[in-house]
Protein backbone atom coordinates (compact mmCIF):
# COMPACT_ATOMS: atom_id res chain seq x y z
CA MET A 1 242.57 201.82 164.55
CA THR A 2 241.11 202.89 167.88
CA THR A 3 238.63 205.09 166.05
CA PHE A 4 237.25 202.10 164.18
CA GLY A 5 236.90 200.07 167.38
CA VAL A 6 235.08 202.93 169.12
CA ALA A 7 232.80 203.36 166.10
CA LEU A 8 231.96 199.64 166.03
CA THR A 9 231.18 199.68 169.75
CA LEU A 10 229.02 202.76 169.32
CA ALA A 11 227.30 201.15 166.33
CA PHE A 12 226.50 198.07 168.41
CA PHE A 13 224.92 200.16 171.17
CA LEU A 14 223.00 202.24 168.61
CA PHE A 15 221.70 199.03 167.01
CA TYR A 16 220.52 197.76 170.38
CA TRP A 17 218.95 201.14 171.27
CA MET A 18 217.13 201.39 167.92
CA LEU A 19 215.92 197.78 168.11
CA ARG A 20 214.44 198.34 171.58
CA ARG A 21 212.97 201.71 170.56
CA LEU A 22 211.25 200.26 167.49
CA GLY A 23 210.13 197.24 169.50
CA ARG A 24 208.40 199.47 172.05
CA LYS A 25 206.94 201.73 169.36
CA TYR A 26 205.39 198.89 167.34
CA ASP A 27 204.71 196.60 170.33
CA ILE A 28 207.15 193.90 169.21
CA ASN A 29 208.91 191.74 171.77
CA THR A 30 212.70 192.24 171.41
CA ALA A 31 213.66 190.27 174.51
CA PHE A 32 215.04 187.48 172.26
CA PHE A 33 218.04 189.68 171.54
CA SER A 34 218.73 190.71 175.14
CA VAL A 35 218.47 187.14 176.40
CA ASN A 36 220.75 185.79 173.64
CA LEU A 37 223.17 188.72 173.49
CA LEU A 38 226.27 186.64 174.20
CA SER A 39 225.41 184.03 171.57
CA PHE A 40 224.83 186.77 168.97
CA PHE A 41 228.19 188.34 169.81
CA LEU A 42 230.20 185.12 169.84
CA THR A 43 228.61 183.67 166.70
CA THR A 44 229.07 186.92 164.78
CA PHE A 45 232.68 187.22 165.94
CA PHE A 46 233.58 183.62 165.12
CA ILE A 47 231.90 183.41 161.69
CA SER A 48 233.11 186.84 160.53
CA ARG A 49 236.68 185.92 161.49
CA LEU A 50 236.36 182.47 159.87
CA PHE A 51 235.09 184.00 156.61
CA HIS A 52 238.01 186.42 156.56
CA VAL A 53 240.56 183.64 157.13
CA ILE A 54 238.98 181.50 154.39
CA LEU A 55 238.74 184.40 151.90
CA TYR A 56 242.38 185.36 152.40
CA ALA A 57 243.83 181.87 152.86
CA GLY A 58 247.47 181.88 151.89
CA LEU A 59 247.89 185.65 152.18
CA THR A 60 249.31 185.94 155.68
CA THR A 61 249.51 189.73 155.51
CA LYS A 62 245.78 189.95 154.76
CA SER A 63 244.33 187.23 157.01
CA ALA A 64 246.76 187.49 159.95
CA PHE A 65 246.38 183.72 160.32
CA SER A 66 249.25 181.34 160.93
CA ILE A 67 249.09 177.57 160.44
CA GLU A 68 251.87 177.19 163.01
CA TYR A 69 249.67 178.72 165.74
CA PRO A 70 246.12 178.25 164.41
CA VAL A 71 244.13 178.87 167.60
CA LEU A 72 246.25 181.74 168.82
CA SER A 73 246.39 183.50 165.45
CA PHE A 74 242.65 182.99 164.91
CA PHE A 75 241.66 184.84 168.08
CA LEU A 76 244.55 187.28 168.55
CA MET A 77 245.32 189.72 165.78
CA SER A 78 246.86 193.15 165.56
CA ASP A 79 244.17 194.67 163.34
CA PHE A 80 240.50 194.20 162.50
CA TYR A 81 240.60 191.15 160.25
CA PHE A 82 236.90 190.31 159.95
CA SER A 83 234.47 189.79 157.09
CA ALA A 84 231.42 192.07 157.11
CA GLY A 85 229.57 189.56 154.92
CA GLY A 86 230.37 186.80 157.39
CA ALA A 87 229.11 188.93 160.27
CA ILE A 88 225.83 189.71 158.50
CA LEU A 89 225.33 186.07 157.53
CA ALA A 90 226.07 184.88 161.07
CA PHE A 91 223.80 187.46 162.70
CA PHE A 92 220.79 186.87 160.47
CA GLY A 93 221.37 183.10 160.48
CA LEU A 94 221.26 183.05 164.27
CA LEU A 95 218.26 185.40 164.23
CA SER A 96 216.46 182.97 161.90
CA PHE A 97 217.34 180.10 164.22
CA TYR A 98 215.84 181.90 167.23
CA MET A 99 212.78 183.04 165.25
CA ARG A 100 211.91 179.62 163.78
CA LYS A 101 209.28 178.81 166.44
CA ARG A 102 207.50 182.14 166.24
CA GLU A 103 204.46 182.85 164.12
CA THR A 104 205.12 184.09 160.59
CA VAL A 105 203.68 187.56 161.22
CA ASP A 106 205.78 187.99 164.35
CA ARG A 107 208.93 186.82 162.53
CA GLU A 108 208.36 189.30 159.72
CA GLU A 109 207.86 192.20 162.13
CA VAL A 110 211.00 191.29 164.08
CA LEU A 111 212.94 191.08 160.80
CA ASP A 112 211.59 194.50 159.77
CA ILE A 113 212.75 196.30 162.90
CA THR A 114 216.02 194.35 163.08
CA THR A 115 216.87 195.38 159.52
CA ILE A 116 216.08 199.02 160.26
CA ALA A 117 218.24 198.90 163.40
CA TRP A 118 221.11 197.23 161.47
CA VAL A 119 221.06 199.86 158.74
CA PHE A 120 220.96 202.60 161.40
CA ALA A 121 224.04 201.16 163.11
CA ALA A 122 225.83 200.71 159.76
CA ILE A 123 225.83 204.48 159.24
CA VAL A 124 228.11 204.90 162.26
CA ALA A 125 230.15 201.77 161.50
CA TYR A 126 230.98 202.93 157.96
CA PHE A 127 231.83 206.41 159.19
CA GLY A 128 234.18 204.83 161.74
CA ALA A 129 235.69 202.72 158.96
CA PHE A 130 236.33 205.94 157.03
CA LEU A 131 238.01 207.63 160.01
CA GLY A 132 240.02 204.52 160.88
CA GLY A 133 241.14 203.83 157.30
CA GLN A 134 239.52 200.39 157.31
CA VAL A 135 237.51 200.70 154.10
CA TYR A 136 239.27 202.70 151.44
CA GLY A 137 238.77 203.32 147.77
CA VAL A 138 240.84 203.39 144.63
CA ARG A 139 243.46 205.94 143.65
CA SER A 140 241.85 209.30 142.98
CA GLU A 141 242.89 212.85 142.26
CA SER A 142 239.41 214.33 142.67
CA ILE A 143 238.59 217.03 145.22
CA PHE A 144 236.96 214.32 147.37
CA ALA A 145 240.13 212.22 147.59
CA VAL A 146 241.54 211.53 151.05
CA ASP A 147 245.18 211.26 152.04
CA TYR A 148 245.64 208.62 154.78
CA VAL A 149 248.90 210.07 156.11
CA ASN A 150 248.69 208.14 159.41
CA ASN A 151 248.52 204.76 157.68
CA PRO A 152 251.83 203.83 155.98
CA ILE A 153 250.15 201.29 153.71
CA LEU A 154 247.50 203.72 152.45
CA ALA A 155 249.68 206.86 152.41
CA GLU A 156 251.13 205.89 149.05
CA TYR A 157 248.56 208.01 147.18
CA ARG A 158 245.24 209.80 147.67
CA ARG A 159 242.14 207.61 147.63
CA PHE A 160 238.45 208.01 147.01
CA PRO A 161 236.63 207.81 150.42
CA LEU A 162 234.54 204.72 149.71
CA ALA A 163 233.50 204.21 153.35
CA LEU A 164 232.13 207.75 153.47
CA VAL A 165 230.03 207.03 150.37
CA TYR A 166 228.82 203.82 152.04
CA SER A 167 227.87 205.79 155.14
CA LEU A 168 225.93 208.38 153.14
CA CYS A 169 224.16 205.72 151.07
CA THR A 170 223.26 203.82 154.23
CA LEU A 171 221.87 207.04 155.70
CA GLY A 172 219.67 207.40 152.61
CA ILE A 173 218.52 203.77 152.79
CA PHE A 174 217.78 204.11 156.51
CA SER A 175 215.77 207.28 155.93
CA ILE A 176 213.66 205.63 153.25
CA ILE A 177 212.88 202.44 155.17
CA TYR A 178 212.28 204.33 158.43
CA VAL A 179 209.81 206.69 156.76
CA VAL A 180 208.07 203.80 154.98
CA ARG A 181 207.74 201.92 158.27
CA LYS A 182 206.43 205.08 159.98
CA VAL A 183 203.89 205.88 157.24
CA ARG A 184 202.81 202.24 156.88
CA PRO A 185 203.21 200.56 160.27
CA GLU A 186 201.36 197.51 159.01
CA ARG A 187 203.37 195.10 156.93
């Protein structure tokens, strides 16, 4: 589990680095993110956790949420019980909120570089999910199957490494959109 946490932390810093790098390269002001860093973090944390609790309501082993101790069980958990969809929705929702007063062209350019930075960070996050056993696939006997011997829940049988496929696909998507942005810097 530590591997996944380290990968997520690294992914966050890589996102921030790429966003600032692209902002300098294309002369786009990215100070909105630095100034509002805490609100991005807290909103993303809260909404991604809330989505996970709602999606797995009633399945205490999946949501790690207890009605007896709602506040405590919402914020303290033994594993990473978050919804990636909730995190993405929260992040881009808050980004839209902060961008609402900007000109349309400026908003579109900020969205372009933010998306590129997000996809760049997702490469590392998915790879960390693979190493940490967070995202796993279905039962498989292929040569690509992985045996999660360190995880008693997943050690039952070999699984297809879905997170690794996600990481490779994200690398391909990042490469395409980065090259397109480089070849055509205008919108």
